[in-house]
Structure formats: structure tokens, C-alpha cells
Amino acid sequence: MKIGIDLDNTITASSESVRFFRVLAHLLRSEAEIHIVTAREPGTDEAVKAELREMGIEFDFIAITANKKRYVEDNGITIFFENTDEYLLNVPEAVLVMKVREPGNFDFAAKKWIGSSKTTRMIE
């Protein structure tokens, strides 16, 4: 099993999400590869590693890429945690996707998901 986890607004969506991913990565690391997949600026690997260490997030690989779909495909990721719909659009159907709710994709006051016409099809 290979698990991909976005960093910004997925791991860091809330204090509870940091706690969840800390426990998840720790418990699954003996059975799965943990890939942190982030669209941060290239060359920020050391800063990302330091941030993950500070949060207590265990990992096997860090990928800094704007093309998360390609990384997921090329590295055989089977489960992918992400908060941004655009990164999920072309991920292979066989990949189990876990979308993290956070203020950038969910309006907590209106209790509605936020999406663009590119990523959302209305059913009403």
C-alpha cells in the first residue's frame, strides 16, 4: 500500500488533522509507504522536512510538485488524501481518494462545499 498525503490544508487543515495524520502515518508506516505530496515551491524540501518533523509526521518520501496526478500515477499511490478538487480530477479511478474539508473548500456557515464549474456538477 502506498499512501499520498497533501501537506497544506490537508495535514495542516486543523489541529485535529495534524493529530490524525501523525497517528495514521505512525500506525501505517510499517505496512505502507507514506508519501507527502505538496505543491510548494521547488527547493523547499528541507523546510518541508523540518515542518513535518515539528508536527511529528512520519514519512518515507517527499514530493514537491504541481503535477500531483503524475506523481500519484508514476509512484503507484493507492490512497490519496487531498483538499483541492483540481488535483483530484484526473487521478486514476482505482486510487481511493480522501478529501479533507477545510475553509478553502467548504463554507462552514452555509454548510456547503465550495467548487468551481470545472470540478463541481450540481445535482439539484
N, C-alpha and C. Protein backbone atom coordinates (compact mmCIF):
# COMPACT_ATOMS: atom_id res chain seq x y z
N MET A 1 0.85 -1.17 0.00
CA MET A 1 0.00 0.00 0.00
C MET A 1 0.90 1.24 0.00
N LYS A 2 0.51 2.22 -0.81
CA LYS A 2 1.24 3.49 -0.87
C LYS A 2 0.23 4.61 -0.65
N ILE A 3 0.52 5.42 0.35
CA ILE A 3 -0.40 6.48 0.73
C ILE A 3 0.22 7.83 0.42
N GLY A 4 -0.51 8.66 -0.33
CA GLY A 4 -0.10 10.02 -0.62
C GLY A 4 -0.90 10.98 0.24
N ILE A 5 -0.21 11.92 0.86
CA ILE A 5 -0.88 12.89 1.73
C ILE A 5 -0.39 14.29 1.37
N ASP A 6 -1.33 15.15 1.02
CA ASP A 6 -1.01 16.55 0.78
C ASP A 6 -0.67 17.20 2.12
N LEU A 7 0.15 18.23 2.08
CA LEU A 7 0.58 18.90 3.30
C LEU A 7 -0.33 20.08 3.65
N ASP A 8 -0.34 21.10 2.80
CA ASP A 8 -1.05 22.34 3.12
C ASP A 8 -2.56 22.17 3.02
N ASN A 9 -3.23 22.50 4.11
CA ASN A 9 -4.68 22.43 4.23
C ASN A 9 -5.24 21.01 4.14
N THR A 10 -4.35 20.03 4.23
CA THR A 10 -4.78 18.64 4.41
C THR A 10 -4.22 18.21 5.76
N ILE A 11 -2.91 17.98 5.82
CA ILE A 11 -2.32 17.72 7.14
C ILE A 11 -2.56 18.92 8.05
N THR A 12 -2.36 20.12 7.51
CA THR A 12 -2.45 21.33 8.33
C THR A 12 -3.84 21.97 8.35
N ALA A 13 -4.88 21.24 7.97
CA ALA A 13 -6.24 21.81 7.95
C ALA A 13 -6.70 22.26 9.33
N SER A 14 -6.28 21.55 10.37
CA SER A 14 -6.66 21.89 11.75
C SER A 14 -5.72 21.16 12.70
N SER A 15 -5.83 21.50 13.97
CA SER A 15 -5.00 20.77 14.95
C SER A 15 -5.42 19.30 14.99
N GLU A 16 -6.69 19.03 14.78
CA GLU A 16 -7.16 17.64 14.77
C GLU A 16 -6.63 16.88 13.55
N SER A 17 -6.53 17.56 12.41
CA SER A 17 -5.99 16.89 11.22
C SER A 17 -4.50 16.58 11.41
N VAL A 18 -3.77 17.48 12.03
CA VAL A 18 -2.35 17.21 12.31
C VAL A 18 -2.25 15.98 13.20
N ARG A 19 -3.06 15.93 14.22
CA ARG A 19 -3.05 14.79 15.15
C ARG A 19 -3.42 13.49 14.42
N PHE A 20 -4.47 13.55 13.58
CA PHE A 20 -4.91 12.38 12.82
C PHE A 20 -3.80 11.84 11.93
N PHE A 21 -3.17 12.72 11.14
CA PHE A 21 -2.13 12.28 10.21
C PHE A 21 -0.87 11.83 10.95
N ARG A 22 -0.59 12.40 12.11
CA ARG A 22 0.53 11.93 12.92
C ARG A 22 0.29 10.47 13.33
N VAL A 23 -0.91 10.19 13.83
CA VAL A 23 -1.24 8.82 14.26
C VAL A 23 -1.32 7.88 13.05
N LEU A 24 -1.98 8.33 11.99
CA LEU A 24 -2.14 7.49 10.78
C LEU A 24 -0.79 7.08 10.22
N ALA A 25 0.07 8.05 10.02
CA ALA A 25 1.39 7.74 9.45
C ALA A 25 2.19 6.82 10.36
N HIS A 26 2.13 7.07 11.64
CA HIS A 26 2.87 6.23 12.59
C HIS A 26 2.37 4.79 12.55
N LEU A 27 1.06 4.62 12.58
CA LEU A 27 0.48 3.28 12.62
C LEU A 27 0.64 2.51 11.31
N LEU A 28 0.56 3.22 10.18
CA LEU A 28 0.59 2.54 8.89
C LEU A 28 1.98 2.42 8.28
N ARG A 29 2.94 3.11 8.81
CA ARG A 29 4.26 3.14 8.18
C ARG A 29 4.91 1.77 8.09
N SER A 30 4.63 0.86 8.99
CA SER A 30 5.21 -0.48 8.91
C SER A 30 4.57 -1.31 7.80
N GLU A 31 3.38 -0.90 7.34
CA GLU A 31 2.65 -1.65 6.31
C GLU A 31 2.54 -0.90 4.99
N ALA A 32 2.88 0.37 4.99
CA ALA A 32 2.67 1.21 3.80
C ALA A 32 3.79 2.23 3.66
N GLU A 33 4.00 2.68 2.42
CA GLU A 33 4.88 3.81 2.17
C GLU A 33 4.06 5.08 2.33
N ILE A 34 4.61 6.05 3.04
CA ILE A 34 3.94 7.32 3.25
C ILE A 34 4.64 8.36 2.38
N HIS A 35 3.90 8.93 1.44
CA HIS A 35 4.40 9.95 0.52
C HIS A 35 3.73 11.27 0.87
N ILE A 36 4.49 12.28 1.20
CA ILE A 36 3.97 13.63 1.39
C ILE A 36 4.08 14.31 0.03
N VAL A 37 2.92 14.73 -0.51
CA VAL A 37 2.87 15.29 -1.86
C VAL A 37 2.35 16.72 -1.74
N THR A 38 3.22 17.68 -2.05
CA THR A 38 2.86 19.08 -1.87
C THR A 38 3.23 19.90 -3.10
N ALA A 39 2.47 20.95 -3.32
CA ALA A 39 2.73 21.84 -4.46
C ALA A 39 3.52 23.07 -4.04
N ARG A 40 4.27 22.97 -2.99
CA ARG A 40 5.10 24.09 -2.55
C ARG A 40 6.17 24.40 -3.59
N GLU A 41 6.86 25.49 -3.36
CA GLU A 41 7.90 25.92 -4.30
C GLU A 41 9.04 24.90 -4.35
N PRO A 42 9.56 24.63 -5.54
CA PRO A 42 10.72 23.73 -5.65
C PRO A 42 11.87 24.24 -4.79
N GLY A 43 12.63 23.32 -4.24
CA GLY A 43 13.78 23.68 -3.42
C GLY A 43 13.46 23.89 -1.96
N THR A 44 12.22 23.61 -1.56
CA THR A 44 11.84 23.81 -0.16
C THR A 44 11.82 22.48 0.61
N ASP A 45 12.49 21.48 0.09
CA ASP A 45 12.49 20.15 0.71
C ASP A 45 12.88 20.18 2.18
N GLU A 46 13.97 20.87 2.50
CA GLU A 46 14.44 20.88 3.89
C GLU A 46 13.44 21.57 4.81
N ALA A 47 12.82 22.64 4.35
CA ALA A 47 11.81 23.33 5.16
C ALA A 47 10.60 22.43 5.38
N VAL A 48 10.21 21.69 4.35
CA VAL A 48 9.08 20.76 4.47
C VAL A 48 9.42 19.66 5.46
N LYS A 49 10.62 19.09 5.35
CA LYS A 49 11.05 18.04 6.29
C LYS A 49 11.03 18.56 7.73
N ALA A 50 11.53 19.77 7.93
CA ALA A 50 11.57 20.35 9.27
C ALA A 50 10.15 20.56 9.81
N GLU A 51 9.26 21.03 8.96
CA GLU A 51 7.86 21.23 9.38
C GLU A 51 7.20 19.91 9.76
N LEU A 52 7.43 18.88 8.95
CA LEU A 52 6.86 17.56 9.24
C LEU A 52 7.43 16.99 10.54
N ARG A 53 8.73 17.15 10.74
CA ARG A 53 9.34 16.69 11.99
C ARG A 53 8.73 17.41 13.20
N GLU A 54 8.53 18.72 13.05
CA GLU A 54 7.95 19.52 14.14
C GLU A 54 6.54 19.04 14.49
N MET A 55 5.78 18.64 13.47
CA MET A 55 4.42 18.14 13.70
C MET A 55 4.41 16.67 14.12
N GLY A 56 5.55 15.99 13.99
CA GLY A 56 5.62 14.58 14.34
C GLY A 56 5.06 13.66 13.28
N ILE A 57 5.07 14.11 12.02
CA ILE A 57 4.54 13.33 10.91
C ILE A 57 5.67 12.47 10.33
N GLU A 58 5.50 11.16 10.37
CA GLU A 58 6.48 10.24 9.79
C GLU A 58 6.17 10.09 8.30
N PHE A 59 7.23 9.87 7.50
CA PHE A 59 7.06 9.74 6.06
C PHE A 59 8.25 8.99 5.48
N ASP A 60 8.03 8.48 4.27
CA ASP A 60 9.12 7.82 3.54
C ASP A 60 9.65 8.69 2.42
N PHE A 61 8.75 9.42 1.76
CA PHE A 61 9.14 10.24 0.60
C PHE A 61 8.43 11.58 0.66
N ILE A 62 9.11 12.61 0.14
CA ILE A 62 8.50 13.92 -0.06
C ILE A 62 8.56 14.24 -1.54
N ALA A 63 7.43 14.67 -2.08
CA ALA A 63 7.38 15.11 -3.48
C ALA A 63 6.89 16.55 -3.50
N ILE A 64 7.69 17.42 -4.05
CA ILE A 64 7.28 18.81 -4.25
C ILE A 64 7.00 18.95 -5.74
N THR A 65 5.70 19.01 -6.06
CA THR A 65 5.30 19.01 -7.46
C THR A 65 3.93 19.64 -7.64
N ALA A 66 3.76 20.36 -8.73
CA ALA A 66 2.44 20.89 -9.08
C ALA A 66 1.63 19.83 -9.83
N ASN A 67 2.30 18.78 -10.30
CA ASN A 67 1.62 17.73 -11.06
C ASN A 67 1.42 16.51 -10.15
N LYS A 68 0.50 16.66 -9.21
CA LYS A 68 0.25 15.58 -8.25
C LYS A 68 -0.31 14.34 -8.93
N LYS A 69 -1.14 14.52 -9.95
CA LYS A 69 -1.70 13.38 -10.69
C LYS A 69 -0.59 12.50 -11.24
N ARG A 70 0.39 13.12 -11.85
CA ARG A 70 1.51 12.35 -12.41
C ARG A 70 2.28 11.64 -11.31
N TYR A 71 2.52 12.33 -10.20
CA TYR A 71 3.24 11.70 -9.09
C TYR A 71 2.47 10.49 -8.57
N VAL A 72 1.17 10.64 -8.40
CA VAL A 72 0.33 9.54 -7.91
C VAL A 72 0.43 8.36 -8.87
N GLU A 73 0.30 8.62 -10.16
CA GLU A 73 0.39 7.54 -11.16
C GLU A 73 1.77 6.91 -11.21
N ASP A 74 2.80 7.74 -11.33
CA ASP A 74 4.17 7.24 -11.50
C ASP A 74 4.68 6.47 -10.30
N ASN A 75 4.13 6.74 -9.13
CA ASN A 75 4.62 6.11 -7.91
C ASN A 75 3.66 5.09 -7.32
N GLY A 76 2.60 4.77 -8.05
CA GLY A 76 1.68 3.72 -7.61
C GLY A 76 0.96 4.02 -6.32
N ILE A 77 0.65 5.30 -6.10
CA ILE A 77 -0.11 5.67 -4.90
C ILE A 77 -1.48 5.02 -4.99
N THR A 78 -1.92 4.37 -3.91
CA THR A 78 -3.21 3.68 -3.90
C THR A 78 -4.27 4.40 -3.08
N ILE A 79 -3.82 5.26 -2.16
CA ILE A 79 -4.73 6.07 -1.35
C ILE A 79 -4.16 7.48 -1.32
N PHE A 80 -5.03 8.47 -1.58
CA PHE A 80 -4.54 9.84 -1.69
C PHE A 80 -5.43 10.78 -0.89
N PHE A 81 -4.84 11.48 0.09
CA PHE A 81 -5.54 12.48 0.89
C PHE A 81 -5.22 13.85 0.30
N GLU A 82 -6.25 14.63 -0.02
CA GLU A 82 -6.07 15.93 -0.68
C GLU A 82 -7.27 16.80 -0.33
N ASN A 83 -7.08 18.11 -0.37
CA ASN A 83 -8.18 19.04 -0.11
C ASN A 83 -8.63 19.80 -1.36
N THR A 84 -7.84 19.80 -2.42
CA THR A 84 -8.12 20.62 -3.59
C THR A 84 -8.63 19.75 -4.74
N ASP A 85 -9.87 20.02 -5.16
CA ASP A 85 -10.50 19.21 -6.21
C ASP A 85 -9.69 19.14 -7.50
N GLU A 86 -9.07 20.24 -7.89
CA GLU A 86 -8.34 20.27 -9.15
C GLU A 86 -7.25 19.20 -9.20
N TYR A 87 -6.64 18.90 -8.06
CA TYR A 87 -5.60 17.87 -8.03
C TYR A 87 -6.18 16.46 -8.11
N LEU A 88 -7.48 16.34 -7.89
CA LEU A 88 -8.13 15.03 -7.88
C LEU A 88 -8.80 14.67 -9.20
N LEU A 89 -8.96 15.63 -10.08
CA LEU A 89 -9.75 15.43 -11.30
C LEU A 89 -9.30 14.24 -12.15
N ASN A 90 -8.02 14.08 -12.35
CA ASN A 90 -7.53 13.04 -13.26
C ASN A 90 -6.78 11.92 -12.57
N VAL A 91 -6.89 11.86 -11.25
CA VAL A 91 -6.28 10.75 -10.52
C VAL A 91 -7.00 9.48 -10.96
N PRO A 92 -6.27 8.40 -11.22
CA PRO A 92 -6.91 7.17 -11.69
C PRO A 92 -8.05 6.72 -10.77
N GLU A 93 -9.08 6.16 -11.38
CA GLU A 93 -10.26 5.72 -10.65
C GLU A 93 -9.93 4.70 -9.56
N ALA A 94 -8.91 3.90 -9.78
CA ALA A 94 -8.54 2.87 -8.80
C ALA A 94 -7.95 3.44 -7.52
N VAL A 95 -7.55 4.71 -7.53
CA VAL A 95 -6.97 5.34 -6.35
C VAL A 95 -8.11 5.76 -5.41
N LEU A 96 -8.04 5.31 -4.17
CA LEU A 96 -9.01 5.72 -3.15
C LEU A 96 -8.67 7.15 -2.76
N VAL A 97 -9.62 8.06 -2.94
CA VAL A 97 -9.41 9.48 -2.66
C VAL A 97 -10.12 9.85 -1.37
N MET A 98 -9.42 10.54 -0.50
CA MET A 98 -9.98 11.05 0.74
C MET A 98 -9.85 12.57 0.71
N LYS A 99 -10.99 13.25 0.59
CA LYS A 99 -10.99 14.71 0.53
C LYS A 99 -11.12 15.29 1.93
N VAL A 100 -10.21 16.18 2.28
CA VAL A 100 -10.20 16.82 3.59
C VAL A 100 -10.97 18.13 3.50
N ARG A 101 -11.93 18.28 4.42
CA ARG A 101 -12.73 19.50 4.46
C ARG A 101 -11.98 20.58 5.24
N GLU A 102 -11.90 21.78 4.66
CA GLU A 102 -11.22 22.92 5.29
C GLU A 102 -11.84 24.19 4.75
N PRO A 103 -11.57 25.35 5.35
CA PRO A 103 -12.25 26.59 4.94
C PRO A 103 -12.08 26.97 3.46
N GLY A 104 -11.05 26.49 2.80
CA GLY A 104 -10.86 26.81 1.39
C GLY A 104 -11.75 26.01 0.45
N ASN A 105 -12.35 24.91 0.95
CA ASN A 105 -13.21 24.11 0.08
C ASN A 105 -14.59 23.87 0.67
N PHE A 106 -14.85 24.42 1.85
CA PHE A 106 -16.15 24.23 2.49
C PHE A 106 -16.54 25.50 3.22
N ASP A 107 -17.76 25.96 2.96
CA ASP A 107 -18.31 27.14 3.64
C ASP A 107 -19.01 26.64 4.90
N PHE A 108 -18.36 26.78 6.04
CA PHE A 108 -18.90 26.24 7.29
C PHE A 108 -20.17 26.96 7.72
N ALA A 109 -20.32 28.26 7.40
CA ALA A 109 -21.52 29.00 7.77
C ALA A 109 -22.72 28.52 6.94
N ALA A 110 -22.52 28.36 5.64
CA ALA A 110 -23.61 27.92 4.76
C ALA A 110 -23.76 26.40 4.70
N LYS A 111 -22.77 25.69 5.25
CA LYS A 111 -22.75 24.23 5.23
C LYS A 111 -22.84 23.68 3.80
N LYS A 112 -21.94 24.24 2.94
CA LYS A 112 -21.89 23.82 1.54
C LYS A 112 -20.44 23.73 1.08
N TRP A 113 -20.21 22.75 0.21
CA TRP A 113 -18.89 22.63 -0.42
C TRP A 113 -18.69 23.77 -1.39
N ILE A 114 -17.45 24.19 -1.53
CA ILE A 114 -17.08 25.24 -2.47
C ILE A 114 -16.37 24.57 -3.64
N GLY A 115 -16.82 24.84 -4.84
CA GLY A 115 -16.19 24.25 -6.01
C GLY A 115 -16.41 25.11 -7.24
N SER A 116 -15.59 24.91 -8.22
CA SER A 116 -15.74 25.65 -9.47
C SER A 116 -16.55 24.81 -10.45
N SER A 117 -16.98 25.43 -11.53
CA SER A 117 -17.72 24.68 -12.55
C SER A 117 -16.83 23.61 -13.18
N LYS A 118 -15.53 23.78 -13.07
CA LYS A 118 -14.60 22.78 -13.60
C LYS A 118 -14.61 21.50 -12.76
N THR A 119 -14.88 21.65 -11.47
CA THR A 119 -14.78 20.49 -10.58
C THR A 119 -16.11 20.04 -9.99
N THR A 120 -17.16 20.82 -10.15
CA THR A 120 -18.42 20.51 -9.48
C THR A 120 -19.57 20.42 -10.48
N ARG A 121 -20.34 19.36 -10.37
CA ARG A 121 -21.56 19.21 -11.17
C ARG A 121 -22.73 19.27 -10.20
N MET A 122 -23.58 20.22 -10.41
CA MET A 122 -24.72 20.40 -9.50
C MET A 122 -25.76 19.32 -9.78
N ILE A 123 -26.39 18.79 -8.71
CA ILE A 123 -27.38 17.74 -8.90
C ILE A 123 -28.78 18.20 -8.54
N GLU A 124 -28.94 19.43 -8.11
CA GLU A 124 -30.28 19.93 -7.77
C GLU A 124 -31.02 20.35 -9.02
